[in-house]
Amino acid sequence: MLVRGLNDDEVEAFAAFARERGVIMRFIEFMPLDADRHWSRELVVAAADVYRRIHAQWPLEQIPHEKSETARKYRFADGAAGEIGLIAPVTQAFCGHCSRIRLTADGRMRTCLFSKEDRDLRELLRANATDEEIVEWVKAMVMEKEEGHRINEPGFVPPSRTMVFIGDSRRGSSRCDSSDGQGAGKSDEKATEFI
């Protein structure tokens, strides 16, 4: 995550690292989910600026992506190894294509990182709800998903739970396969990925 005045002078160095090591480097705009509540629009380094800086040194080519992917991905035009990903939730919100929900470590479901409310799935599970009841509950939550995060609207108020309390969708995401109850690593049309 880039923060103006803190680490935004390292963009080119991180891009060089991606080229040299053949790794995927993601740059994400600073979002108002910090535990210290220091976020301000002035601290945001726009993804477009990051793109321009890297592209000026090493021309980039866009890699096709799915609409629901948060990162816009690029390869180096000269064929060098590595990949650059830009995630722009503040300056280029992708809410209209977002298909994510999150299950927090304490068993609460969030339909957006910026939701002011989350719902308690743990209590439903502890009440021995059937698979069908759980599926209907999750469907109802998804149908109530916000249209957008409202960061760019006047009067935006960050959620009370910061990112550290929500969890990351790619680390420890849970996959549930309702057909056999085993879960981890399963993948079929009945599997649901909470991300």
N, C-alpha and C. Protein backbone atom coordinates (compact mmCIF):
# COMPACT_ATOMS: atom_id res chain seq x y z
N MET A 1 0.85 -1.15 0.00
CA MET A 1 0.00 0.00 0.00
C MET A 1 0.91 1.23 0.00
N LEU A 2 0.64 2.11 -0.93
CA LEU A 2 1.45 3.32 -1.03
C LEU A 2 0.81 4.46 -0.23
N VAL A 3 1.65 5.18 0.49
CA VAL A 3 1.21 6.34 1.25
C VAL A 3 2.14 7.49 0.89
N ARG A 4 1.55 8.59 0.42
CA ARG A 4 2.34 9.75 0.01
C ARG A 4 3.21 10.25 1.16
N GLY A 5 4.50 10.43 0.87
CA GLY A 5 5.43 10.92 1.87
C GLY A 5 6.02 9.84 2.75
N LEU A 6 5.51 8.62 2.63
CA LEU A 6 6.02 7.53 3.45
C LEU A 6 6.82 6.54 2.61
N ASN A 7 6.21 6.04 1.52
CA ASN A 7 6.90 5.06 0.69
C ASN A 7 6.67 5.25 -0.80
N ASP A 8 6.08 6.36 -1.20
CA ASP A 8 5.79 6.57 -2.62
C ASP A 8 7.05 6.84 -3.44
N ASP A 9 8.18 7.04 -2.80
CA ASP A 9 9.43 7.21 -3.53
C ASP A 9 10.04 5.86 -3.92
N GLU A 10 9.39 4.76 -3.56
CA GLU A 10 9.92 3.43 -3.82
C GLU A 10 9.23 2.70 -4.97
N VAL A 11 8.34 3.38 -5.69
CA VAL A 11 7.58 2.74 -6.77
C VAL A 11 8.50 2.08 -7.78
N GLU A 12 9.45 2.82 -8.31
CA GLU A 12 10.34 2.28 -9.32
C GLU A 12 11.20 1.14 -8.77
N ALA A 13 11.62 1.24 -7.53
CA ALA A 13 12.42 0.18 -6.92
C ALA A 13 11.61 -1.11 -6.79
N PHE A 14 10.34 -0.98 -6.43
CA PHE A 14 9.49 -2.17 -6.34
C PHE A 14 9.25 -2.77 -7.73
N ALA A 15 9.08 -1.92 -8.74
CA ALA A 15 8.90 -2.42 -10.10
C ALA A 15 10.17 -3.12 -10.58
N ALA A 16 11.32 -2.57 -10.26
CA ALA A 16 12.59 -3.20 -10.63
C ALA A 16 12.72 -4.56 -9.94
N PHE A 17 12.31 -4.64 -8.70
CA PHE A 17 12.35 -5.90 -7.97
C PHE A 17 11.48 -6.94 -8.66
N ALA A 18 10.30 -6.53 -9.12
CA ALA A 18 9.41 -7.45 -9.83
C ALA A 18 10.08 -7.97 -11.09
N ARG A 19 10.74 -7.09 -11.82
CA ARG A 19 11.44 -7.48 -13.06
C ARG A 19 12.60 -8.43 -12.76
N GLU A 20 13.39 -8.09 -11.78
CA GLU A 20 14.58 -8.87 -11.46
C GLU A 20 14.26 -10.25 -10.90
N ARG A 21 13.21 -10.32 -10.11
CA ARG A 21 12.88 -11.58 -9.44
C ARG A 21 11.75 -12.35 -10.13
N GLY A 22 11.12 -11.74 -11.13
CA GLY A 22 10.02 -12.41 -11.81
C GLY A 22 8.81 -12.62 -10.91
N VAL A 23 8.50 -11.63 -10.08
CA VAL A 23 7.38 -11.75 -9.15
C VAL A 23 6.26 -10.79 -9.54
N ILE A 24 5.13 -11.01 -8.95
CA ILE A 24 3.97 -10.12 -9.14
C ILE A 24 4.03 -9.06 -8.06
N MET A 25 4.05 -7.81 -8.46
CA MET A 25 4.08 -6.69 -7.52
C MET A 25 2.75 -5.94 -7.63
N ARG A 26 2.05 -5.85 -6.52
CA ARG A 26 0.77 -5.14 -6.48
C ARG A 26 0.94 -3.82 -5.73
N PHE A 27 0.37 -2.77 -6.32
CA PHE A 27 0.34 -1.46 -5.68
C PHE A 27 -1.13 -1.14 -5.42
N ILE A 28 -1.45 -0.85 -4.18
CA ILE A 28 -2.83 -0.54 -3.82
C ILE A 28 -2.90 0.86 -3.24
N GLU A 29 -3.94 1.57 -3.61
CA GLU A 29 -4.12 2.91 -3.06
C GLU A 29 -4.47 2.81 -1.57
N PHE A 30 -3.97 3.78 -0.83
CA PHE A 30 -4.23 3.88 0.61
C PHE A 30 -5.72 4.09 0.81
N MET A 31 -6.33 3.21 1.60
CA MET A 31 -7.77 3.28 1.85
C MET A 31 -8.03 3.68 3.30
N PRO A 32 -9.20 4.24 3.57
CA PRO A 32 -9.52 4.66 4.94
C PRO A 32 -9.90 3.49 5.84
N LEU A 33 -8.99 2.54 5.94
CA LEU A 33 -9.20 1.37 6.81
C LEU A 33 -8.05 1.20 7.78
N ASP A 34 -7.25 2.23 7.95
CA ASP A 34 -6.08 2.14 8.81
C ASP A 34 -6.49 2.24 10.28
N ALA A 35 -5.83 1.47 11.10
CA ALA A 35 -6.17 1.40 12.52
C ALA A 35 -5.93 2.73 13.23
N ASP A 36 -4.96 3.50 12.76
CA ASP A 36 -4.63 4.77 13.43
C ASP A 36 -5.51 5.94 12.99
N ARG A 37 -6.36 5.70 11.99
CA ARG A 37 -7.26 6.74 11.47
C ARG A 37 -6.51 7.96 10.96
N HIS A 38 -5.40 7.73 10.26
CA HIS A 38 -4.61 8.83 9.70
C HIS A 38 -4.93 9.07 8.23
N TRP A 39 -5.84 8.28 7.65
CA TRP A 39 -6.13 8.41 6.23
C TRP A 39 -6.64 9.79 5.89
N SER A 40 -6.15 10.32 4.77
CA SER A 40 -6.72 11.52 4.17
C SER A 40 -6.48 11.40 2.67
N ARG A 41 -7.31 12.06 1.91
CA ARG A 41 -7.19 12.00 0.45
C ARG A 41 -5.82 12.47 -0.02
N GLU A 42 -5.21 13.40 0.69
CA GLU A 42 -3.90 13.92 0.30
C GLU A 42 -2.81 12.85 0.39
N LEU A 43 -3.02 11.81 1.16
CA LEU A 43 -2.03 10.74 1.32
C LEU A 43 -2.15 9.65 0.26
N VAL A 44 -3.22 9.71 -0.54
CA VAL A 44 -3.46 8.68 -1.56
C VAL A 44 -2.56 8.93 -2.76
N VAL A 45 -1.85 7.89 -3.19
CA VAL A 45 -1.05 7.93 -4.42
C VAL A 45 -1.91 7.22 -5.47
N ALA A 46 -2.39 7.97 -6.44
CA ALA A 46 -3.31 7.41 -7.44
C ALA A 46 -2.62 6.33 -8.28
N ALA A 47 -3.36 5.27 -8.55
CA ALA A 47 -2.84 4.17 -9.37
C ALA A 47 -2.39 4.67 -10.74
N ALA A 48 -3.10 5.65 -11.28
CA ALA A 48 -2.73 6.21 -12.59
C ALA A 48 -1.34 6.83 -12.54
N ASP A 49 -1.01 7.47 -11.43
CA ASP A 49 0.33 8.05 -11.27
C ASP A 49 1.40 6.97 -11.18
N VAL A 50 1.08 5.89 -10.48
CA VAL A 50 2.01 4.77 -10.36
C VAL A 50 2.26 4.18 -11.74
N TYR A 51 1.18 3.99 -12.50
CA TYR A 51 1.30 3.45 -13.86
C TYR A 51 2.22 4.34 -14.70
N ARG A 52 1.97 5.65 -14.68
CA ARG A 52 2.77 6.58 -15.49
C ARG A 52 4.26 6.51 -15.12
N ARG A 53 4.55 6.42 -13.84
CA ARG A 53 5.94 6.39 -13.40
C ARG A 53 6.64 5.11 -13.86
N ILE A 54 5.97 3.98 -13.71
CA ILE A 54 6.60 2.72 -14.13
C ILE A 54 6.69 2.66 -15.65
N HIS A 55 5.61 3.03 -16.32
CA HIS A 55 5.56 2.98 -17.78
C HIS A 55 6.62 3.88 -18.42
N ALA A 56 6.95 4.98 -17.78
CA ALA A 56 7.97 5.89 -18.29
C ALA A 56 9.35 5.23 -18.30
N GLN A 57 9.59 4.34 -17.35
CA GLN A 57 10.88 3.67 -17.26
C GLN A 57 10.88 2.32 -17.99
N TRP A 58 9.80 1.58 -17.86
CA TRP A 58 9.66 0.28 -18.50
C TRP A 58 8.25 0.21 -19.08
N PRO A 59 8.08 0.38 -20.38
CA PRO A 59 6.73 0.34 -20.96
C PRO A 59 5.97 -0.92 -20.54
N LEU A 60 4.69 -0.73 -20.28
CA LEU A 60 3.83 -1.80 -19.80
C LEU A 60 2.75 -2.12 -20.82
N GLU A 61 2.31 -3.38 -20.82
CA GLU A 61 1.19 -3.83 -21.64
C GLU A 61 0.14 -4.41 -20.71
N GLN A 62 -1.12 -4.02 -20.92
CA GLN A 62 -2.16 -4.54 -20.04
C GLN A 62 -2.42 -6.02 -20.31
N ILE A 63 -2.68 -6.76 -19.25
CA ILE A 63 -3.03 -8.17 -19.31
C ILE A 63 -4.56 -8.24 -19.17
N PRO A 64 -5.24 -8.99 -20.02
CA PRO A 64 -6.71 -9.10 -19.89
C PRO A 64 -7.10 -9.58 -18.49
N HIS A 65 -8.25 -9.11 -18.02
CA HIS A 65 -8.71 -9.47 -16.69
C HIS A 65 -10.23 -9.61 -16.69
N GLU A 66 -10.72 -10.29 -15.69
CA GLU A 66 -12.16 -10.40 -15.48
C GLU A 66 -12.67 -9.10 -14.87
N LYS A 67 -13.92 -8.75 -15.14
CA LYS A 67 -14.48 -7.51 -14.59
C LYS A 67 -14.43 -7.48 -13.07
N SER A 68 -14.60 -8.64 -12.45
CA SER A 68 -14.65 -8.67 -10.98
C SER A 68 -13.28 -8.65 -10.32
N GLU A 69 -12.21 -8.72 -11.10
CA GLU A 69 -10.86 -8.64 -10.52
C GLU A 69 -10.59 -7.22 -10.07
N THR A 70 -9.99 -7.09 -8.91
CA THR A 70 -9.71 -5.75 -8.38
C THR A 70 -8.46 -5.13 -8.99
N ALA A 71 -7.51 -5.96 -9.37
CA ALA A 71 -6.24 -5.44 -9.90
C ALA A 71 -6.30 -5.33 -11.42
N ARG A 72 -5.76 -4.23 -11.93
CA ARG A 72 -5.49 -4.10 -13.36
C ARG A 72 -4.04 -4.53 -13.51
N LYS A 73 -3.83 -5.57 -14.31
CA LYS A 73 -2.52 -6.21 -14.38
C LYS A 73 -1.78 -5.84 -15.66
N TYR A 74 -0.46 -5.73 -15.52
CA TYR A 74 0.40 -5.34 -16.64
C TYR A 74 1.64 -6.21 -16.67
N ARG A 75 2.11 -6.48 -17.88
CA ARG A 75 3.41 -7.14 -18.07
C ARG A 75 4.36 -6.11 -18.65
N PHE A 76 5.64 -6.40 -18.56
CA PHE A 76 6.64 -5.52 -19.13
C PHE A 76 6.72 -5.77 -20.63
N ALA A 77 6.63 -4.70 -21.42
CA ALA A 77 6.57 -4.81 -22.89
C ALA A 77 7.84 -5.41 -23.47
N ASP A 78 8.97 -5.28 -22.77
CA ASP A 78 10.23 -5.81 -23.30
C ASP A 78 10.39 -7.31 -23.02
N GLY A 79 9.36 -7.93 -22.42
CA GLY A 79 9.41 -9.36 -22.16
C GLY A 79 10.05 -9.74 -20.85
N ALA A 80 10.47 -8.77 -20.07
CA ALA A 80 11.07 -9.07 -18.77
C ALA A 80 10.07 -9.82 -17.90
N ALA A 81 10.60 -10.65 -17.02
CA ALA A 81 9.74 -11.39 -16.09
C ALA A 81 9.06 -10.41 -15.13
N GLY A 82 8.06 -10.89 -14.45
CA GLY A 82 7.39 -10.07 -13.46
C GLY A 82 6.10 -9.48 -13.98
N GLU A 83 5.32 -8.98 -13.06
CA GLU A 83 4.02 -8.41 -13.38
C GLU A 83 3.74 -7.28 -12.41
N ILE A 84 3.02 -6.28 -12.88
CA ILE A 84 2.61 -5.15 -12.05
C ILE A 84 1.09 -5.19 -11.94
N GLY A 85 0.59 -5.02 -10.74
CA GLY A 85 -0.85 -4.93 -10.53
C GLY A 85 -1.18 -3.62 -9.84
N LEU A 86 -2.22 -2.96 -10.31
CA LEU A 86 -2.64 -1.69 -9.72
C LEU A 86 -4.07 -1.85 -9.21
N ILE A 87 -4.26 -1.54 -7.95
CA ILE A 87 -5.58 -1.64 -7.33
C ILE A 87 -5.97 -0.23 -6.89
N ALA A 88 -7.06 0.28 -7.47
CA ALA A 88 -7.42 1.69 -7.30
C ALA A 88 -8.82 1.87 -6.70
N PRO A 89 -9.03 1.45 -5.47
CA PRO A 89 -10.37 1.56 -4.89
C PRO A 89 -10.81 3.00 -4.62
N VAL A 90 -9.87 3.92 -4.53
CA VAL A 90 -10.23 5.31 -4.23
C VAL A 90 -10.44 6.11 -5.51
N THR A 91 -9.50 6.07 -6.45
CA THR A 91 -9.59 6.92 -7.64
C THR A 91 -10.31 6.28 -8.81
N GLN A 92 -10.43 4.96 -8.82
CA GLN A 92 -11.12 4.25 -9.91
C GLN A 92 -11.94 3.12 -9.31
N ALA A 93 -12.91 3.47 -8.50
CA ALA A 93 -13.69 2.46 -7.76
C ALA A 93 -14.25 1.40 -8.71
N PHE A 94 -14.19 0.17 -8.28
CA PHE A 94 -14.66 -0.96 -9.08
C PHE A 94 -15.88 -1.61 -8.43
N CYS A 95 -16.58 -0.88 -7.59
CA CYS A 95 -17.70 -1.42 -6.83
C CYS A 95 -18.76 -2.09 -7.70
N GLY A 96 -19.04 -1.50 -8.85
CA GLY A 96 -20.09 -2.03 -9.72
C GLY A 96 -19.84 -3.45 -10.20
N HIS A 97 -18.58 -3.88 -10.16
CA HIS A 97 -18.24 -5.23 -10.60
C HIS A 97 -17.77 -6.11 -9.45
N CYS A 98 -17.80 -5.60 -8.25
CA CYS A 98 -17.28 -6.35 -7.10
C CYS A 98 -18.20 -7.52 -6.77
N SER A 99 -17.59 -8.68 -6.61
CA SER A 99 -18.35 -9.88 -6.26
C SER A 99 -17.89 -10.45 -4.92
N ARG A 100 -17.27 -9.63 -4.10
CA ARG A 100 -16.67 -10.12 -2.87
C ARG A 100 -17.56 -9.90 -1.65
N ILE A 101 -17.48 -10.88 -0.78
CA ILE A 101 -17.99 -10.75 0.57
C ILE A 101 -16.88 -11.27 1.48
N ARG A 102 -16.91 -10.90 2.73
CA ARG A 102 -15.86 -11.33 3.64
C ARG A 102 -16.45 -11.96 4.88
N LEU A 103 -15.78 -12.99 5.33
CA LEU A 103 -16.13 -13.64 6.58
C LEU A 103 -15.01 -13.31 7.56
N THR A 104 -15.34 -12.60 8.61
CA THR A 104 -14.32 -12.16 9.57
C THR A 104 -13.92 -13.31 10.48
N ALA A 105 -12.82 -13.12 11.16
CA ALA A 105 -12.31 -14.15 12.06
C ALA A 105 -13.28 -14.46 13.19
N ASP A 106 -14.15 -13.50 13.54
CA ASP A 106 -15.11 -13.74 14.60
C ASP A 106 -16.49 -14.16 14.07
N GLY A 107 -16.53 -14.59 12.81
CA GLY A 107 -17.75 -15.18 12.27
C GLY A 107 -18.80 -14.21 11.79
N ARG A 108 -18.40 -13.01 11.44
CA ARG A 108 -19.35 -12.02 10.94
C ARG A 108 -19.15 -11.84 9.43
N MET A 109 -20.23 -11.64 8.71
CA MET A 109 -20.20 -11.49 7.25
C MET A 109 -20.27 -10.01 6.90
N ARG A 110 -19.36 -9.59 6.01
CA ARG A 110 -19.34 -8.21 5.52
C ARG A 110 -19.49 -8.25 4.01
N THR A 111 -20.33 -7.40 3.48
CA THR A 111 -20.53 -7.37 2.03
C THR A 111 -19.63 -6.35 1.35
N CYS A 112 -18.90 -5.57 2.13
CA CYS A 112 -17.97 -4.58 1.59
C CYS A 112 -16.96 -4.27 2.68
N LEU A 113 -15.72 -4.00 2.28
CA LEU A 113 -14.73 -3.60 3.29
C LEU A 113 -15.21 -2.39 4.08
N PHE A 114 -16.02 -1.54 3.43
CA PHE A 114 -16.45 -0.30 4.04
C PHE A 114 -17.86 -0.36 4.62
N SER A 115 -18.41 -1.56 4.74
CA SER A 115 -19.73 -1.70 5.35
C SER A 115 -19.69 -1.17 6.77
N LYS A 116 -20.73 -0.47 7.13
CA LYS A 116 -20.82 0.02 8.50
C LYS A 116 -21.38 -1.07 9.41
N GLU A 117 -22.00 -2.06 8.80
CA GLU A 117 -22.57 -3.16 9.58
C GLU A 117 -22.08 -4.48 9.01
N ASP A 118 -22.03 -5.47 9.88
CA ASP A 118 -21.80 -6.83 9.43
C ASP A 118 -22.82 -7.69 10.14
N ARG A 119 -23.00 -8.91 9.65
CA ARG A 119 -24.03 -9.79 10.21
C ARG A 119 -23.38 -11.05 10.79
N ASP A 120 -23.99 -11.56 11.82
CA ASP A 120 -23.42 -12.67 12.58
C ASP A 120 -23.79 -14.02 11.97
N LEU A 121 -22.85 -14.62 11.28
CA LEU A 121 -23.03 -15.97 10.73
C LEU A 121 -22.75 -17.02 11.81
N ARG A 122 -21.87 -16.73 12.71
CA ARG A 122 -21.49 -17.68 13.75
C ARG A 122 -22.70 -18.13 14.57
N GLU A 123 -23.57 -17.19 14.91
CA GLU A 123 -24.76 -17.56 15.70
C GLU A 123 -25.66 -18.51 14.92
N LEU A 124 -25.78 -18.30 13.64
CA LEU A 124 -26.57 -19.19 12.79
C LEU A 124 -25.99 -20.59 12.81
N LEU A 125 -24.68 -20.68 12.70
CA LEU A 125 -24.01 -21.98 12.73
C LEU A 125 -24.16 -22.65 14.09
N ARG A 126 -24.02 -21.88 15.15
CA ARG A 126 -24.15 -22.43 16.51
C ARG A 126 -25.58 -22.87 16.82
N ALA A 127 -26.53 -22.30 16.08
CA ALA A 127 -27.93 -22.69 16.27
C ALA A 127 -28.28 -23.91 15.42
N ASN A 128 -27.24 -24.54 14.84
CA ASN A 128 -27.43 -25.76 14.03
C ASN A 128 -28.33 -25.54 12.83
N ALA A 129 -28.17 -24.41 12.17
CA ALA A 129 -28.93 -24.14 10.95
C ALA A 129 -28.59 -25.19 9.90
N THR A 130 -29.55 -25.49 9.06
CA THR A 130 -29.31 -26.45 7.98
C THR A 130 -28.48 -25.79 6.88
N ASP A 131 -27.92 -26.61 6.00
CA ASP A 131 -27.17 -26.06 4.86
C ASP A 131 -28.06 -25.13 4.05
N GLU A 132 -29.31 -25.53 3.86
CA GLU A 132 -30.24 -24.71 3.07
C GLU A 132 -30.50 -23.36 3.73
N GLU A 133 -30.63 -23.36 5.05
CA GLU A 133 -30.84 -22.10 5.78
C GLU A 133 -29.62 -21.19 5.66
N ILE A 134 -28.45 -21.78 5.74
CA ILE A 134 -27.21 -21.00 5.62
C ILE A 134 -27.09 -20.42 4.22
N VAL A 135 -27.36 -21.24 3.20
CA VAL A 135 -27.31 -20.76 1.81
C VAL A 135 -28.28 -19.61 1.62
N GLU A 136 -29.49 -19.73 2.12
CA GLU A 136 -30.49 -18.66 1.97
C GLU A 136 -30.06 -17.40 2.71
N TRP A 137 -29.44 -17.57 3.88
CA TRP A 137 -28.96 -16.42 4.65
C TRP A 137 -27.87 -15.69 3.88
N VAL A 138 -26.91 -16.45 3.33
CA VAL A 138 -25.82 -15.83 2.56
C VAL A 138 -26.39 -15.14 1.33
N LYS A 139 -27.31 -15.78 0.63
CA LYS A 139 -27.94 -15.16 -0.55
C LYS A 139 -28.61 -13.84 -0.18
N ALA A 140 -29.31 -13.83 0.94
CA ALA A 140 -29.98 -12.60 1.39
C ALA A 140 -28.95 -11.51 1.67
N MET A 141 -27.82 -11.88 2.28
CA MET A 141 -26.75 -10.90 2.54
C MET A 141 -26.22 -10.32 1.23
N VAL A 142 -25.98 -11.19 0.26
CA VAL A 142 -25.45 -10.74 -1.02
C VAL A 142 -26.45 -9.80 -1.70
N MET A 143 -27.73 -10.09 -1.60
CA MET A 143 -28.75 -9.23 -2.22
C MET A 143 -28.79 -7.84 -1.58
N GLU A 144 -28.31 -7.73 -0.35
CA GLU A 144 -28.27 -6.45 0.35
C GLU A 144 -26.93 -5.72 0.16
N LYS A 145 -26.05 -6.29 -0.66
CA LYS A 145 -24.72 -5.70 -0.88
C LYS A 145 -24.86 -4.24 -1.33
N GLU A 146 -24.03 -3.41 -0.76
CA GLU A 146 -24.05 -1.98 -1.08
C GLU A 146 -23.70 -1.75 -2.55
N GLU A 147 -24.20 -0.67 -3.12
CA GLU A 147 -23.87 -0.32 -4.50
C GLU A 147 -22.44 0.18 -4.62
N GLY A 148 -21.92 0.74 -3.56
CA GLY A 148 -20.56 1.26 -3.59
C GLY A 148 -20.09 1.62 -2.20
N HIS A 149 -18.81 1.93 -2.09
CA HIS A 149 -18.22 2.19 -0.78
C HIS A 149 -18.35 3.63 -0.31
N ARG A 150 -18.70 4.54 -1.15
CA ARG A 150 -18.97 5.95 -0.82
C ARG A 150 -17.75 6.75 -0.37
N ILE A 151 -16.53 6.25 -0.62
CA ILE A 151 -15.33 6.98 -0.21
C ILE A 151 -15.31 8.39 -0.82
N ASN A 152 -15.78 8.51 -2.03
CA ASN A 152 -15.69 9.78 -2.74
C ASN A 152 -16.90 10.68 -2.54
N GLU A 153 -17.79 10.32 -1.64
CA GLU A 153 -18.97 11.13 -1.36
C GLU A 153 -18.72 12.03 -0.16
N PRO A 154 -19.30 13.24 -0.19
CA PRO A 154 -19.16 14.11 0.99
C PRO A 154 -19.80 13.41 2.20
N GLY A 155 -19.20 13.56 3.32
CA GLY A 155 -19.75 12.97 4.53
C GLY A 155 -19.41 11.49 4.71
N PHE A 156 -18.50 10.96 3.88
CA PHE A 156 -18.10 9.56 4.05
C PHE A 156 -17.57 9.33 5.45
N VAL A 157 -18.02 8.26 6.08
CA VAL A 157 -17.54 7.89 7.40
C VAL A 157 -16.94 6.49 7.30
N PRO A 158 -15.66 6.33 7.66
CA PRO A 158 -15.05 5.01 7.60
C PRO A 158 -15.74 4.05 8.56
N PRO A 159 -15.70 2.76 8.26
CA PRO A 159 -16.31 1.80 9.16
C PRO A 159 -15.58 1.76 10.50
N SER A 160 -16.28 1.33 11.53
CA SER A 160 -15.67 1.30 12.86
C SER A 160 -14.61 0.20 12.96
N ARG A 161 -14.78 -0.88 12.21
CA ARG A 161 -13.78 -1.96 12.23
C ARG A 161 -12.78 -1.71 11.12
N THR A 162 -11.52 -1.62 11.47
CA THR A 162 -10.49 -1.36 10.48
C THR A 162 -10.06 -2.66 9.80
N MET A 163 -9.23 -2.54 8.77
CA MET A 163 -8.82 -3.68 7.96
C MET A 163 -8.22 -4.81 8.79
N VAL A 164 -7.44 -4.48 9.79
CA VAL A 164 -6.79 -5.51 10.60
C VAL A 164 -7.81 -6.41 11.29
N PHE A 165 -9.02 -5.90 11.53
CA PHE A 165 -10.05 -6.70 12.18
C PHE A 165 -10.98 -7.40 11.19
N ILE A 166 -10.84 -7.08 9.91
CA ILE A 166 -11.70 -7.67 8.89
C ILE A 166 -11.07 -8.91 8.30
N GLY A 167 -9.78 -8.85 8.00
CA GLY A 167 -9.09 -9.99 7.39
C GLY A 167 -8.91 -9.78 5.91
N ASP A 168 -8.01 -10.54 5.33
CA ASP A 168 -7.68 -10.43 3.92
C ASP A 168 -8.29 -11.58 3.16
N SER A 169 -8.83 -11.28 2.00
CA SER A 169 -9.53 -12.27 1.22
C SER A 169 -8.62 -13.33 0.62
N ARG A 170 -7.33 -13.08 0.53
CA ARG A 170 -6.47 -14.05 -0.11
C ARG A 170 -5.65 -14.86 0.89
N ARG A 171 -5.64 -14.44 2.11
CA ARG A 171 -4.91 -15.18 3.14
C ARG A 171 -5.93 -15.84 4.05
N GLY A 172 -5.95 -17.15 3.99
CA GLY A 172 -6.85 -17.88 4.86
C GLY A 172 -8.29 -17.79 4.42
N SER A 173 -8.53 -17.53 3.14
CA SER A 173 -9.91 -17.52 2.69
C SER A 173 -10.45 -18.92 2.85
N SER A 174 -11.72 -19.02 3.15
CA SER A 174 -12.27 -20.35 3.37
C SER A 174 -13.14 -20.76 2.20
N ARG A 175 -13.01 -21.99 1.84
CA ARG A 175 -13.82 -22.57 0.80
C ARG A 175 -14.72 -23.59 1.46
N CYS A 176 -15.99 -23.51 1.18
CA CYS A 176 -16.94 -24.44 1.78
C CYS A 176 -17.60 -25.23 0.67
N ASP A 177 -17.55 -26.53 0.78
CA ASP A 177 -18.21 -27.40 -0.18
C ASP A 177 -19.37 -28.05 0.55
N SER A 178 -20.58 -27.64 0.24
CA SER A 178 -21.73 -28.13 0.97
C SER A 178 -22.08 -29.57 0.62
N SER A 179 -21.44 -30.14 -0.39
CA SER A 179 -21.82 -31.50 -0.78
C SER A 179 -21.24 -32.57 0.13
N ASP A 180 -20.06 -32.34 0.72
CA ASP A 180 -19.50 -33.39 1.57
C ASP A 180 -19.00 -32.89 2.92
N GLY A 181 -19.07 -31.60 3.16
CA GLY A 181 -18.68 -31.05 4.45
C GLY A 181 -17.18 -30.99 4.69
N GLN A 182 -16.36 -31.44 3.74
CA GLN A 182 -14.92 -31.44 3.94
C GLN A 182 -14.31 -30.07 3.76
N GLY A 183 -14.81 -29.32 2.81
CA GLY A 183 -14.41 -27.93 2.65
C GLY A 183 -13.12 -27.68 1.92
N ALA A 184 -12.02 -27.61 2.62
CA ALA A 184 -10.77 -27.09 2.08
C ALA A 184 -10.36 -27.72 0.77
N GLY A 185 -10.08 -26.86 -0.18
CA GLY A 185 -9.55 -27.30 -1.46
C GLY A 185 -10.58 -27.85 -2.42
N LYS A 186 -11.81 -27.94 -2.03
CA LYS A 186 -12.84 -28.48 -2.92
C LYS A 186 -13.25 -27.43 -3.92
N SER A 187 -13.70 -27.89 -5.06
CA SER A 187 -14.14 -26.94 -6.06
C SER A 187 -15.15 -27.61 -6.97
N ASP A 188 -16.38 -27.21 -6.87
CA ASP A 188 -17.42 -27.63 -7.80
C ASP A 188 -18.48 -26.56 -7.83
N GLU A 189 -19.57 -26.81 -8.55
CA GLU A 189 -20.58 -25.76 -8.69
C GLU A 189 -21.26 -25.43 -7.37
N LYS A 190 -21.16 -26.31 -6.35
CA LYS A 190 -21.78 -26.03 -5.07
C LYS A 190 -20.85 -25.30 -4.12
N ALA A 191 -19.57 -25.21 -4.47
CA ALA A 191 -18.61 -24.58 -3.57
C ALA A 191 -18.83 -23.08 -3.55
N THR A 192 -18.67 -22.51 -2.40
CA THR A 192 -18.78 -21.06 -2.24
C THR A 192 -17.47 -20.57 -1.67
N GLU A 193 -16.89 -19.57 -2.26
CA GLU A 193 -15.66 -19.01 -1.74
C GLU A 193 -15.99 -17.69 -1.07
N PHE A 194 -15.67 -17.58 0.19
CA PHE A 194 -15.89 -16.33 0.90
C PHE A 194 -14.63 -15.51 0.77
N ILE A 195 -14.72 -14.44 -0.02
CA ILE A 195 -13.57 -13.58 -0.17
C ILE A 195 -13.99 -12.15 -0.06
